[in-house]
Amino acid sequence: MRGAALALLAAAACIAGPAAAQRPELDGPGQAQINGQAAARLSVADQALNATYRRLVREASPNGRRRLRAAQLAWIRFRDLDCAARAGSRGGSFHPAAVSLCLEAVTDERTKVLQSELDCAEGDMGCGGHIE
């Protein structure tokens, strides 16, 4: 029954969108549930990233979109490889949660980076390279 509730929570997060989605607590009661909760947290973080990325793509120039797309694809590859390498508990029951929690944290940081591009003040030479 608890697994079904987690599946419904994850589905609701996907349907509701990033603004309405809440990240579940990692409260078990067992490792399988914690792994599911960590995966649901990653899903919420990924939705927020995708929404921010789509906004930046809409505002970017054609050249900026090309650079952004290439950078994002490279970042995704790096994120996945980096978290796979850093996550502890290899072979243990916590490993899926460790990977998901790493991916969640790194995804949140990337969302902040992309958001800073959207919030770049005119004339700030340290950002805004995608919007020409």
Foldseek 3Di string as FASTA:
>chain_A
DLVVVLVVLLVCLVVVALVPRDQDDQPDPDLVVSLSSLQSLLSSLVRLLVVLLVVLCVQFDPVLNVVSVVVVVVVVVVQQVVLLVPFDPVVHSCRSSSSSNSSSVVSNVSSVVSVCQVVPDPPPPVHVPRHD
